[in-house]
Amino acid sequence: MFATRPIAKNKRIIDYAGEKIPNRESLKRERRYLKQGHIWCFKLNRLYARDAAVGGNVARYINHACKPNCYTQVIGETIWIRAARNIRKGEELTYDYFTDGEATIQCRCRPGCRSKF
């Protein structure tokens, strides 16, 4: 996903939408999604997650990066993607997924990155 116009630091860009599900259910779904090379579930808190594969929006296409230009902020039951710095028009939007899963997907945030998430 790429910026269509300049974005100021700390600006709310988009909310990460999706079905609200118990974390136990998100673990089951993530195993299925990981086989396809995707991560769609985002933890809201210790009890719930959002599954962007069900009722999600384009925020689910924002890629992971080890040195991202965005960050996430959970306010109540809303997950906001915000600009970590000023972002130029045309720049790819990224944030750190901070996953706690099996780390099976190779990071491609930059050539030679050896991280997994």
PDB file of N, CA and C in Angstrom:
ATOM      1  N   MET A   1       0.855  -1.161   0.000  1.00  0.00           N
ATOM      2  CA  MET A   1       0.000   0.000   0.000  1.00  0.00           C
ATOM      3  C   MET A   1       0.906   1.230   0.000  1.00  0.00           C
ATOM      4  N   PHE A   2       0.549   2.226  -0.807  1.00  0.00           N
ATOM      5  CA  PHE A   2       1.392   3.398  -0.980  1.00  0.00           C
ATOM      6  C   PHE A   2       0.621   4.678  -0.684  1.00  0.00           C
ATOM      7  N   ALA A   3       1.334   5.666  -0.192  1.00  0.00           N
ATOM      8  CA  ALA A   3       0.723   6.958   0.134  1.00  0.00           C
ATOM      9  C   ALA A   3       0.324   7.669  -1.161  1.00  0.00           C
ATOM     10  N   THR A   4      -0.909   8.136  -1.221  1.00  0.00           N
ATOM     11  CA  THR A   4      -1.393   8.860  -2.405  1.00  0.00           C
ATOM     12  C   THR A   4      -1.140  10.356  -2.291  1.00  0.00           C
ATOM     13  N   ARG A   5      -0.722  10.781  -1.098  1.00  0.00           N
ATOM     14  CA  ARG A   5      -0.369  12.191  -0.852  1.00  0.00           C
ATOM     15  C   ARG A   5       0.553  12.220   0.366  1.00  0.00           C
ATOM     16  N   PRO A   6       1.235  13.327   0.615  1.00  0.00           N
ATOM     17  CA  PRO A   6       2.090  13.405   1.807  1.00  0.00           C
ATOM     18  C   PRO A   6       1.268  13.201   3.085  1.00  0.00           C
ATOM     19  N   ILE A   7       1.875  12.547   4.068  1.00  0.00           N
ATOM     20  CA  ILE A   7       1.212  12.279   5.350  1.00  0.00           C
ATOM     21  C   ILE A   7       2.100  12.822   6.465  1.00  0.00           C
ATOM     22  N   ALA A   8       1.524  13.635   7.329  1.00  0.00           N
ATOM     23  CA  ALA A   8       2.279  14.235   8.437  1.00  0.00           C
ATOM     24  C   ALA A   8       2.512  13.221   9.557  1.00  0.00           C
ATOM     25  N   LYS A   9       3.619  13.385  10.245  1.00  0.00           N
ATOM     26  CA  LYS A   9       3.962  12.539  11.392  1.00  0.00           C
ATOM     27  C   LYS A   9       2.808  12.504  12.396  1.00  0.00           C
ATOM     28  N   ASN A  10       2.512  11.305  12.907  1.00  0.00           N
ATOM     29  CA  ASN A  10       1.479  11.005  13.898  1.00  0.00           C
ATOM     30  C   ASN A  10       0.047  11.071  13.383  1.00  0.00           C
ATOM     31  N   LYS A  11      -0.156  11.371  12.108  1.00  0.00           N
ATOM     32  CA  LYS A  11      -1.511  11.419  11.552  1.00  0.00           C
ATOM     33  C   LYS A  11      -2.107  10.018  11.514  1.00  0.00           C
ATOM     34  N   ARG A  12      -3.390   9.928  11.872  1.00  0.00           N
ATOM     35  CA  ARG A  12      -4.118   8.667  11.707  1.00  0.00           C
ATOM     36  C   ARG A  12      -4.308   8.447  10.211  1.00  0.00           C
ATOM     37  N   ILE A  13      -3.899   7.287   9.739  1.00  0.00           N
ATOM     38  CA  ILE A  13      -3.994   6.987   8.314  1.00  0.00           C
ATOM     39  C   ILE A  13      -5.243   6.165   8.016  1.00  0.00           C
ATOM     40  N   ILE A  14      -5.417   5.077   8.736  1.00  0.00           N
ATOM     41  CA  ILE A  14      -6.551   4.171   8.506  1.00  0.00           C
ATOM     42  C   ILE A  14      -6.700   3.273   9.730  1.00  0.00           C
ATOM     43  N   ASP A  15      -7.910   2.780   9.945  1.00  0.00           N
ATOM     44  CA  ASP A  15      -8.107   1.802  11.010  1.00  0.00           C
ATOM     45  C   ASP A  15      -7.979   0.402  10.411  1.00  0.00           C
ATOM     46  N   TYR A  16      -7.492  -0.526  11.211  1.00  0.00           N
ATOM     47  CA  TYR A  16      -7.357  -1.917  10.795  1.00  0.00           C
ATOM     48  C   TYR A  16      -8.669  -2.612  11.142  1.00  0.00           C
ATOM     49  N   ALA A  17      -9.496  -2.806  10.131  1.00  0.00           N
ATOM     50  CA  ALA A  17     -10.839  -3.363  10.333  1.00  0.00           C
ATOM     51  C   ALA A  17     -10.826  -4.882  10.214  1.00  0.00           C
ATOM     52  N   GLY A  18     -11.842  -5.500  10.775  1.00  0.00           N
ATOM     53  CA  GLY A  18     -12.011  -6.940  10.667  1.00  0.00           C
ATOM     54  C   GLY A  18     -12.929  -7.440  11.761  1.00  0.00           C
ATOM     55  N   GLU A  19     -13.328  -8.687  11.606  1.00  0.00           N
ATOM     56  CA  GLU A  19     -14.210  -9.316  12.582  1.00  0.00           C
ATOM     57  C   GLU A  19     -13.510  -9.417  13.934  1.00  0.00           C
ATOM     58  N   LYS A  20     -14.205  -9.033  14.994  1.00  0.00           N
ATOM     59  CA  LYS A  20     -13.674  -9.168  16.354  1.00  0.00           C
ATOM     60  C   LYS A  20     -13.907 -10.608  16.802  1.00  0.00           C
ATOM     61  N   ILE A  21     -12.818 -11.287  17.154  1.00  0.00           N
ATOM     62  CA  ILE A  21     -12.906 -12.692  17.549  1.00  0.00           C
ATOM     63  C   ILE A  21     -12.043 -12.932  18.789  1.00  0.00           C
ATOM     64  N   PRO A  22     -12.354 -13.996  19.554  1.00  0.00           N
ATOM     65  CA  PRO A  22     -11.509 -14.340  20.704  1.00  0.00           C
ATOM     66  C   PRO A  22     -10.106 -14.743  20.229  1.00  0.00           C
ATOM     67  N   ASN A  23      -9.087 -14.443  21.026  1.00  0.00           N
ATOM     68  CA  ASN A  23      -7.715 -14.796  20.651  1.00  0.00           C
ATOM     69  C   ASN A  23      -7.562 -16.287  20.378  1.00  0.00           C
ATOM     70  N   ARG A  24      -8.266 -17.104  21.098  1.00  0.00           N
ATOM     71  CA  ARG A  24      -8.195 -18.554  20.880  1.00  0.00           C
ATOM     72  C   ARG A  24      -8.603 -18.899  19.445  1.00  0.00           C
ATOM     73  N   GLU A  25      -9.657 -18.242  18.947  1.00  0.00           N
ATOM     74  CA  GLU A  25     -10.109 -18.462  17.572  1.00  0.00           C
ATOM     75  C   GLU A  25      -9.095 -17.897  16.575  1.00  0.00           C
ATOM     76  N   SER A  26      -8.479 -16.758  16.913  1.00  0.00           N
ATOM     77  CA  SER A  26      -7.506 -16.159  15.994  1.00  0.00           C
ATOM     78  C   SER A  26      -6.310 -17.093  15.794  1.00  0.00           C
ATOM     79  N   LEU A  27      -5.898 -17.811  16.827  1.00  0.00           N
ATOM     80  CA  LEU A  27      -4.785 -18.753  16.693  1.00  0.00           C
ATOM     81  C   LEU A  27      -5.130 -19.865  15.704  1.00  0.00           C
ATOM     82  N   LYS A  28      -6.354 -20.359  15.745  1.00  0.00           N
ATOM     83  CA  LYS A  28      -6.802 -21.387  14.797  1.00  0.00           C
ATOM     84  C   LYS A  28      -6.784 -20.853  13.373  1.00  0.00           C
ATOM     85  N   ARG A  29      -7.320 -19.652  13.192  1.00  0.00           N
ATOM     86  CA  ARG A  29      -7.385 -19.060  11.853  1.00  0.00           C
ATOM     87  C   ARG A  29      -5.999 -18.733  11.323  1.00  0.00           C
ATOM     88  N   GLU A  30      -5.135 -18.238  12.181  1.00  0.00           N
ATOM     89  CA  GLU A  30      -3.786 -17.875  11.740  1.00  0.00           C
ATOM     90  C   GLU A  30      -3.018 -19.079  11.212  1.00  0.00           C
ATOM     91  N   ARG A  31      -3.190 -20.242  11.823  1.00  0.00           N
ATOM     92  CA  ARG A  31      -2.520 -21.440  11.308  1.00  0.00           C
ATOM     93  C   ARG A  31      -2.928 -21.671   9.854  1.00  0.00           C
ATOM     94  N   ARG A  32      -4.194 -21.483   9.564  1.00  0.00           N
ATOM     95  CA  ARG A  32      -4.711 -21.652   8.197  1.00  0.00           C
ATOM     96  C   ARG A  32      -4.153 -20.559   7.276  1.00  0.00           C
ATOM     97  N   TYR A  33      -4.148 -19.321   7.744  1.00  0.00           N
ATOM     98  CA  TYR A  33      -3.664 -18.201   6.926  1.00  0.00           C
ATOM     99  C   TYR A  33      -2.170 -18.303   6.649  1.00  0.00           C
ATOM    100  N   LEU A  34      -1.392 -18.734   7.655  1.00  0.00           N
ATOM    101  CA  LEU A  34       0.054 -18.841   7.487  1.00  0.00           C
ATOM    102  C   LEU A  34       0.433 -19.821   6.383  1.00  0.00           C
ATOM    103  N   LYS A  35      -0.363 -20.866   6.198  1.00  0.00           N
ATOM    104  CA  LYS A  35      -0.110 -21.824   5.119  1.00  0.00           C
ATOM    105  C   LYS A  35      -0.189 -21.150   3.757  1.00  0.00           C
ATOM    106  N   GLN A  36      -0.946 -20.046   3.692  1.00  0.00           N
ATOM    107  CA  GLN A  36      -1.089 -19.286   2.445  1.00  0.00           C
ATOM    108  C   GLN A  36      -0.120 -18.104   2.404  1.00  0.00           C
ATOM    109  N   GLY A  37       0.706 -17.952   3.450  1.00  0.00           N
ATOM    110  CA  GLY A  37       1.689 -16.882   3.493  1.00  0.00           C
ATOM    111  C   GLY A  37       1.139 -15.546   3.942  1.00  0.00           C
ATOM    112  N   HIS A  38       0.040 -15.560   4.715  1.00  0.00           N
ATOM    113  CA  HIS A  38      -0.587 -14.319   5.168  1.00  0.00           C
ATOM    114  C   HIS A  38      -0.696 -14.257   6.679  1.00  0.00           C
ATOM    115  N   ILE A  39      -0.748 -13.038   7.178  1.00  0.00           N
ATOM    116  CA  ILE A  39      -1.071 -12.782   8.580  1.00  0.00           C
ATOM    117  C   ILE A  39      -2.218 -11.779   8.556  1.00  0.00           C
ATOM    118  N   TRP A  40      -3.409 -12.199   8.967  1.00  0.00           N
ATOM    119  CA  TRP A  40      -4.578 -11.318   8.916  1.00  0.00           C
ATOM    120  C   TRP A  40      -5.089 -10.936  10.294  1.00  0.00           C
ATOM    121  N   CYS A  41      -4.738 -11.677  11.327  1.00  0.00           N
ATOM    122  CA  CYS A  41      -5.273 -11.396  12.666  1.00  0.00           C
ATOM    123  C   CYS A  41      -4.351 -10.454  13.438  1.00  0.00           C
ATOM    124  N   PHE A  42      -4.964  -9.467  14.064  1.00  0.00           N
ATOM    125  CA  PHE A  42      -4.245  -8.435  14.811  1.00  0.00           C
ATOM    126  C   PHE A  42      -4.836  -8.401  16.209  1.00  0.00           C
ATOM    127  N   LYS A  43      -4.010  -8.617  17.229  1.00  0.00           N
ATOM    128  CA  LYS A  43      -4.516  -8.642  18.604  1.00  0.00           C
ATOM    129  C   LYS A  43      -4.949  -7.251  19.063  1.00  0.00           C
ATOM    130  N   LEU A  44      -6.151  -7.186  19.613  1.00  0.00           N
ATOM    131  CA  LEU A  44      -6.659  -5.965  20.238  1.00  0.00           C
ATOM    132  C   LEU A  44      -6.167  -5.849  21.674  1.00  0.00           C
ATOM    133  N   ASN A  45      -6.225  -6.972  22.374  1.00  0.00           N
ATOM    134  CA  ASN A  45      -5.847  -7.033  23.780  1.00  0.00           C
ATOM    135  C   ASN A  45      -5.633  -8.501  24.139  1.00  0.00           C
ATOM    136  N   ARG A  46      -5.560  -8.818  25.426  1.00  0.00           N
ATOM    137  CA  ARG A  46      -5.286 -10.210  25.811  1.00  0.00           C
ATOM    138  C   ARG A  46      -6.450 -11.161  25.534  1.00  0.00           C
ATOM    139  N   LEU A  47      -7.639 -10.611  25.235  1.00  0.00           N
ATOM    140  CA  LEU A  47      -8.814 -11.450  24.995  1.00  0.00           C
ATOM    141  C   LEU A  47      -9.255 -11.532  23.531  1.00  0.00           C
ATOM    142  N   TYR A  48      -9.071 -10.460  22.777  1.00  0.00           N
ATOM    143  CA  TYR A  48      -9.654 -10.383  21.429  1.00  0.00           C
ATOM    144  C   TYR A  48      -8.651  -9.966  20.359  1.00  0.00           C
ATOM    145  N   ALA A  49      -9.024 -10.295  19.124  1.00  0.00           N
ATOM    146  CA  ALA A  49      -8.243  -9.915  17.947  1.00  0.00           C
ATOM    147  C   ALA A  49      -9.207  -9.467  16.852  1.00  0.00           C
ATOM    148  N   ARG A  50      -8.665  -8.825  15.833  1.00  0.00           N
ATOM    149  CA  ARG A  50      -9.414  -8.470  14.631  1.00  0.00           C
ATOM    150  C   ARG A  50      -8.907  -9.357  13.504  1.00  0.00           C
ATOM    151  N   ASP A  51      -9.833  -9.999  12.788  1.00  0.00           N
ATOM    152  CA  ASP A  51      -9.492 -10.822  11.633  1.00  0.00           C
ATOM    153  C   ASP A  51      -9.837 -10.044  10.369  1.00  0.00           C
ATOM    154  N   ALA A  52      -8.833  -9.503   9.711  1.00  0.00           N
ATOM    155  CA  ALA A  52      -9.052  -8.676   8.526  1.00  0.00           C
ATOM    156  C   ALA A  52      -9.463  -9.492   7.305  1.00  0.00           C
ATOM    157  N   ALA A  53      -9.352 -10.817   7.372  1.00  0.00           N
ATOM    158  CA  ALA A  53      -9.817 -11.653   6.271  1.00  0.00           C
ATOM    159  C   ALA A  53     -11.344 -11.703   6.234  1.00  0.00           C
ATOM    160  N   VAL A  54     -11.974 -11.319   7.341  1.00  0.00           N
ATOM    161  CA  VAL A  54     -13.436 -11.293   7.449  1.00  0.00           C
ATOM    162  C   VAL A  54     -13.850  -9.869   7.810  1.00  0.00           C
ATOM    163  N   GLY A  55     -14.372  -9.142   6.861  1.00  0.00           N
ATOM    164  CA  GLY A  55     -14.816  -7.779   7.118  1.00  0.00           C
ATOM    165  C   GLY A  55     -13.702  -6.757   7.202  1.00  0.00           C
ATOM    166  N   GLY A  56     -12.530  -7.112   6.701  1.00  0.00           N
ATOM    167  CA  GLY A  56     -11.395  -6.203   6.755  1.00  0.00           C
ATOM    168  C   GLY A  56     -11.438  -5.145   5.654  1.00  0.00           C
ATOM    169  N   ASN A  57     -10.484  -4.246   5.702  1.00  0.00           N
ATOM    170  CA  ASN A  57     -10.371  -3.200   4.690  1.00  0.00           C
ATOM    171  C   ASN A  57      -8.952  -3.234   4.096  1.00  0.00           C
ATOM    172  N   VAL A  58      -8.590  -2.216   3.344  1.00  0.00           N
ATOM    173  CA  VAL A  58      -7.287  -2.208   2.676  1.00  0.00           C
ATOM    174  C   VAL A  58      -6.114  -2.108   3.645  1.00  0.00           C
ATOM    175  N   ALA A  59      -6.350  -1.780   4.896  1.00  0.00           N
ATOM    176  CA  ALA A  59      -5.260  -1.713   5.877  1.00  0.00           C
ATOM    177  C   ALA A  59      -4.540  -3.056   5.988  1.00  0.00           C
ATOM    178  N   ARG A  60      -5.219  -4.141   5.680  1.00  0.00           N
ATOM    179  CA  ARG A  60      -4.590  -5.459   5.784  1.00  0.00           C
ATOM    180  C   ARG A  60      -3.470  -5.651   4.765  1.00  0.00           C
ATOM    181  N   TYR A  61      -3.390  -4.779   3.767  1.00  0.00           N
ATOM    182  CA  TYR A  61      -2.349  -4.884   2.753  1.00  0.00           C
ATOM    183  C   TYR A  61      -1.108  -4.047   3.074  1.00  0.00           C
ATOM    184  N   ILE A  62      -1.093  -3.401   4.223  1.00  0.00           N
ATOM    185  CA  ILE A  62       0.107  -2.670   4.638  1.00  0.00           C
ATOM    186  C   ILE A  62       1.122  -3.711   5.096  1.00  0.00           C
ATOM    187  N   ASN A  63       2.286  -3.672   4.490  1.00  0.00           N
ATOM    188  CA  ASN A  63       3.308  -4.687   4.745  1.00  0.00           C
ATOM    189  C   ASN A  63       4.092  -4.432   6.029  1.00  0.00           C
ATOM    190  N   HIS A  64       4.717  -5.502   6.483  1.00  0.00           N
ATOM    191  CA  HIS A  64       5.642  -5.447   7.620  1.00  0.00           C
ATOM    192  C   HIS A  64       6.964  -4.845   7.177  1.00  0.00           C
ATOM    193  N   ALA A  65       7.636  -4.160   8.072  1.00  0.00           N
ATOM    194  CA  ALA A  65       9.022  -3.736   7.867  1.00  0.00           C
ATOM    195  C   ALA A  65       9.715  -3.670   9.210  1.00  0.00           C
ATOM    196  N   CYS A  66      10.981  -4.015   9.227  1.00  0.00           N
ATOM    197  CA  CYS A  66      11.768  -3.946  10.458  1.00  0.00           C
ATOM    198  C   CYS A  66      12.056  -2.500  10.847  1.00  0.00           C
ATOM    199  N   LYS A  67      12.099  -1.614   9.859  1.00  0.00           N
ATOM    200  CA  LYS A  67      12.283  -0.178  10.089  1.00  0.00           C
ATOM    201  C   LYS A  67      11.112   0.545   9.418  1.00  0.00           C
ATOM    202  N   PRO A  68       9.932   0.502  10.039  1.00  0.00           N
ATOM    203  CA  PRO A  68       8.714   1.008   9.400  1.00  0.00           C
ATOM    204  C   PRO A  68       8.565   2.522   9.443  1.00  0.00           C
ATOM    205  N   ASN A  69       7.636   3.020   8.627  1.00  0.00           N
ATOM    206  CA  ASN A  69       7.310   4.454   8.649  1.00  0.00           C
ATOM    207  C   ASN A  69       5.967   4.709   9.332  1.00  0.00           C
ATOM    208  N   CYS A  70       5.333   3.644   9.819  1.00  0.00           N
ATOM    209  CA  CYS A  70       4.053   3.767  10.539  1.00  0.00           C
ATOM    210  C   CYS A  70       4.140   2.971  11.842  1.00  0.00           C
ATOM    211  N   TYR A  71       3.188   3.227  12.715  1.00  0.00           N
ATOM    212  CA  TYR A  71       3.062   2.442  13.941  1.00  0.00           C
ATOM    213  C   TYR A  71       1.575   2.222  14.195  1.00  0.00           C
ATOM    214  N   THR A  72       1.274   1.327  15.117  1.00  0.00           N
ATOM    215  CA  THR A  72      -0.125   1.038  15.428  1.00  0.00           C
ATOM    216  C   THR A  72      -0.457   1.555  16.818  1.00  0.00           C
ATOM    217  N   GLN A  73      -1.725   1.923  16.976  1.00  0.00           N
ATOM    218  CA  GLN A  73      -2.223   2.397  18.263  1.00  0.00           C
ATOM    219  C   GLN A  73      -3.612   1.807  18.458  1.00  0.00           C
ATOM    220  N   VAL A  74      -3.796   1.080  19.548  1.00  0.00           N
ATOM    221  CA  VAL A  74      -5.100   0.510  19.864  1.00  0.00           C
ATOM    222  C   VAL A  74      -5.803   1.439  20.838  1.00  0.00           C
ATOM    223  N   ILE A  75      -6.975   1.921  20.436  1.00  0.00           N
ATOM    224  CA  ILE A  75      -7.804   2.775  21.291  1.00  0.00           C
ATOM    225  C   ILE A  75      -9.155   2.080  21.415  1.00  0.00           C
ATOM    226  N   GLY A  76      -9.410   1.534  22.596  1.00  0.00           N
ATOM    227  CA  GLY A  76     -10.638   0.760  22.777  1.00  0.00           C
ATOM    228  C   GLY A  76     -10.603  -0.470  21.886  1.00  0.00           C
ATOM    229  N   GLU A  77     -11.534  -0.545  20.950  1.00  0.00           N
ATOM    230  CA  GLU A  77     -11.588  -1.676  20.021  1.00  0.00           C
ATOM    231  C   GLU A  77     -11.169  -1.283  18.607  1.00  0.00           C
ATOM    232  N   THR A  78     -10.551  -0.114  18.477  1.00  0.00           N
ATOM    233  CA  THR A  78     -10.098   0.360  17.173  1.00  0.00           C
ATOM    234  C   THR A  78      -8.578   0.324  17.103  1.00  0.00           C
ATOM    235  N   ILE A  79      -8.067  -0.243  16.018  1.00  0.00           N
ATOM    236  CA  ILE A  79      -6.634  -0.315  15.773  1.00  0.00           C
ATOM    237  C   ILE A  79      -6.309   0.735  14.711  1.00  0.00           C
ATOM    238  N   TRP A  80      -5.545   1.738  15.079  1.00  0.00           N
ATOM    239  CA  TRP A  80      -5.177   2.803  14.145  1.00  0.00           C
ATOM    240  C   TRP A  80      -3.780   2.571  13.601  1.00  0.00           C
ATOM    241  N   ILE A  81      -3.600   2.797  12.311  1.00  0.00           N
ATOM    242  CA  ILE A  81      -2.292   2.858  11.690  1.00  0.00           C
ATOM    243  C   ILE A  81      -1.958   4.344  11.605  1.00  0.00           C
ATOM    244  N   ARG A  82      -0.821   4.736  12.184  1.00  0.00           N
ATOM    245  CA  ARG A  82      -0.438   6.151  12.236  1.00  0.00           C
ATOM    246  C   ARG A  82       0.959   6.322  11.638  1.00  0.00           C
ATOM    247  N   ALA A  83       1.219   7.525  11.149  1.00  0.00           N
ATOM    248  CA  ALA A  83       2.521   7.838  10.563  1.00  0.00           C
ATOM    249  C   ALA A  83       3.562   8.035  11.660  1.00  0.00           C
ATOM    250  N   ALA A  84       4.651   7.288  11.597  1.00  0.00           N
ATOM    251  CA  ALA A  84       5.733   7.397  12.581  1.00  0.00           C
ATOM    252  C   ALA A  84       6.660   8.576  12.270  1.00  0.00           C
ATOM    253  N   ARG A  85       6.570   9.058  11.055  1.00  0.00           N
ATOM    254  CA  ARG A  85       7.355  10.201  10.595  1.00  0.00           C
ATOM    255  C   ARG A  85       6.614  10.801   9.407  1.00  0.00           C
ATOM    256  N   ASN A  86       7.101  11.909   8.882  1.00  0.00           N
ATOM    257  CA  ASN A  86       6.506  12.454   7.671  1.00  0.00           C
ATOM    258  C   ASN A  86       6.730  11.463   6.530  1.00  0.00           C
ATOM    259  N   ILE A  87       5.677  11.185   5.782  1.00  0.00           N
ATOM    260  CA  ILE A  87       5.733  10.202   4.694  1.00  0.00           C
ATOM    261  C   ILE A  87       5.472  10.927   3.377  1.00  0.00           C
ATOM    262  N   ARG A  88       6.330  10.660   2.406  1.00  0.00           N
ATOM    263  CA  ARG A  88       6.196  11.294   1.091  1.00  0.00           C
ATOM    264  C   ARG A  88       5.149  10.589   0.226  1.00  0.00           C
ATOM    265  N   LYS A  89       4.545  11.322  -0.681  1.00  0.00           N
ATOM    266  CA  LYS A  89       3.631  10.748  -1.673  1.00  0.00           C
ATOM    267  C   LYS A  89       4.388   9.667  -2.443  1.00  0.00           C
ATOM    268  N   GLY A  90       3.746   8.518  -2.626  1.00  0.00           N
ATOM    269  CA  GLY A  90       4.341   7.416  -3.361  1.00  0.00           C
ATOM    270  C   GLY A  90       5.138   6.442  -2.522  1.00  0.00           C
ATOM    271  N   GLU A  91       5.395   6.784  -1.266  1.00  0.00           N
ATOM    272  CA  GLU A  91       6.157   5.915  -0.377  1.00  0.00           C
ATOM    273  C   GLU A  91       5.279   4.764   0.110  1.00  0.00           C
ATOM    274  N   GLU A  92       5.861   3.563   0.186  1.00  0.00           N
ATOM    275  CA  GLU A  92       5.115   2.418   0.701  1.00  0.00           C
ATOM    276  C   GLU A  92       4.879   2.585   2.197  1.00  0.00           C
ATOM    277  N   LEU A  93       3.667   2.268   2.651  1.00  0.00           N
ATOM    278  CA  LEU A  93       3.335   2.306   4.079  1.00  0.00           C
ATOM    279  C   LEU A  93       3.704   0.963   4.693  1.00  0.00           C
ATOM    280  N   THR A  94       4.385   0.997   5.843  1.00  0.00           N
ATOM    281  CA  THR A  94       4.793  -0.225   6.531  1.00  0.00           C
ATOM    282  C   THR A  94       4.709  -0.026   8.043  1.00  0.00           C
ATOM    283  N   TYR A  95       4.529  -1.117   8.764  1.00  0.00           N
ATOM    284  CA  TYR A  95       4.646  -1.100  10.219  1.00  0.00           C
ATOM    285  C   TYR A  95       5.191  -2.443  10.684  1.00  0.00           C
ATOM    286  N   ASP A  96       5.703  -2.487  11.886  1.00  0.00           N
ATOM    287  CA  ASP A  96       6.256  -3.715  12.452  1.00  0.00           C
ATOM    288  C   ASP A  96       5.097  -4.541  12.994  1.00  0.00           C
ATOM    289  N   TYR A  97       4.952  -5.766  12.513  1.00  0.00           N
ATOM    290  CA  TYR A  97       3.839  -6.624  12.926  1.00  0.00           C
ATOM    291  C   TYR A  97       3.964  -7.106  14.375  1.00  0.00           C
ATOM    292  N   PHE A  98       5.156  -7.118  14.934  1.00  0.00           N
ATOM    293  CA  PHE A  98       5.364  -7.576  16.318  1.00  0.00           C
ATOM    294  C   PHE A  98       4.632  -8.886  16.590  1.00  0.00           C
ATOM    295  N   THR A  99       4.768  -9.839  15.701  1.00  0.00           N
ATOM    296  CA  THR A  99       4.062 -11.104  15.862  1.00  0.00           C
ATOM    297  C   THR A  99       4.685 -11.943  16.964  1.00  0.00           C
ATOM    298  N   ASP A 100       3.876 -12.805  17.535  1.00  0.00           N
ATOM    299  CA  ASP A 100       4.368 -13.706  18.572  1.00  0.00           C
ATOM    300  C   ASP A 100       4.128 -15.150  18.159  1.00  0.00           C
ATOM    301  N   GLY A 101       4.008 -15.361  16.860  1.00  0.00           N
ATOM    302  CA  GLY A 101       3.724 -16.698  16.338  1.00  0.00           C
ATOM    303  C   GLY A 101       4.985 -17.489  16.032  1.00  0.00           C
ATOM    304  N   GLU A 102       4.884 -18.342  15.015  1.00  0.00           N
ATOM    305  CA  GLU A 102       5.941 -19.298  14.694  1.00  0.00           C
ATOM    306  C   GLU A 102       7.078 -18.715  13.859  1.00  0.00           C
ATOM    307  N   ALA A 103       6.988 -17.484  13.412  1.00  0.00           N
ATOM    308  CA  ALA A 103       8.031 -16.831  12.615  1.00  0.00           C
ATOM    309  C   ALA A 103       8.386 -17.652  11.384  1.00  0.00           C
ATOM    310  N   THR A 104       7.395 -17.911  10.560  1.00  0.00           N
ATOM    311  CA  THR A 104       7.595 -18.742   9.375  1.00  0.00           C
ATOM    312  C   THR A 104       7.628 -17.950   8.070  1.00  0.00           C
ATOM    313  N   ILE A 105       7.290 -16.667   8.097  1.00  0.00           N
ATOM    314  CA  ILE A 105       7.270 -15.869   6.873  1.00  0.00           C
ATOM    315  C   ILE A 105       8.539 -15.025   6.818  1.00  0.00           C
ATOM    316  N   GLN A 106       9.308 -15.186   5.741  1.00  0.00           N
ATOM    317  CA  GLN A 106      10.543 -14.430   5.560  1.00  0.00           C
ATOM    318  C   GLN A 106      10.212 -12.959   5.328  1.00  0.00           C
ATOM    319  N   CYS A 107      10.878 -12.088   6.044  1.00  0.00           N
ATOM    320  CA  CYS A 107      10.694 -10.645   5.873  1.00  0.00           C
ATOM    321  C   CYS A 107      11.345 -10.211   4.563  1.00  0.00           C
ATOM    322  N   ARG A 108      10.667  -9.351   3.828  1.00  0.00           N
ATOM    323  CA  ARG A 108      11.200  -8.817   2.575  1.00  0.00           C
ATOM    324  C   ARG A 108      11.198  -7.295   2.601  1.00  0.00           C
ATOM    325  N   CYS A 109      11.413  -6.733   3.798  1.00  0.00           N
ATOM    326  CA  CYS A 109      11.327  -5.275   3.932  1.00  0.00           C
ATOM    327  C   CYS A 109      12.461  -4.562   3.205  1.00  0.00           C
ATOM    328  N   ARG A 110      13.574  -5.246   3.015  1.00  0.00           N
ATOM    329  CA  ARG A 110      14.700  -4.684   2.263  1.00  0.00           C
ATOM    330  C   ARG A 110      15.532  -5.861   1.772  1.00  0.00           C
ATOM    331  N   PRO A 111      16.288  -5.675   0.702  1.00  0.00           N
ATOM    332  CA  PRO A 111      17.137  -6.784   0.207  1.00  0.00           C
ATOM    333  C   PRO A 111      18.086  -7.265   1.300  1.00  0.00           C
ATOM    334  N   GLY A 112      18.150  -8.569   1.483  1.00  0.00           N
ATOM    335  CA  GLY A 112      19.069  -9.141   2.450  1.00  0.00           C
ATOM    336  C   GLY A 112      18.543  -9.226   3.874  1.00  0.00           C
ATOM    337  N   CYS A 113      17.324  -8.764   4.143  1.00  0.00           N
ATOM    338  CA  CYS A 113      16.772  -8.852   5.501  1.00  0.00           C
ATOM    339  C   CYS A 113      16.604 -10.332   5.862  1.00  0.00           C
ATOM    340  N   ARG A 114      17.077 -10.707   7.000  1.00  0.00           N
ATOM    341  CA  ARG A 114      17.011 -12.110   7.414  1.00  0.00           C
ATOM    342  C   ARG A 114      15.966 -12.356   8.504  1.00  0.00           C
ATOM    343  N   SER A 115      15.205 -11.343   8.823  1.00  0.00           N
ATOM    344  CA  SER A 115      14.188 -11.498   9.867  1.00  0.00           C
ATOM    345  C   SER A 115      13.039 -12.362   9.377  1.00  0.00           C
ATOM    346  N   LYS A 116      12.346 -12.944  10.336  1.00  0.00           N
ATOM    347  CA  LYS A 116      11.116 -13.704  10.053  1.00  0.00           C
ATOM    348  C   LYS A 116      10.050 -13.224  10.994  1.00  0.00           C
ATOM    349  N   PHE A 117       8.830 -13.298  10.548  1.00  0.00           N
ATOM    350  CA  PHE A 117       7.701 -12.944  11.401  1.00  0.00           C
ATOM    351  C   PHE A 117       6.604 -13.933  11.203  1.00  0.00           C
TER     352      PHE A 117
END
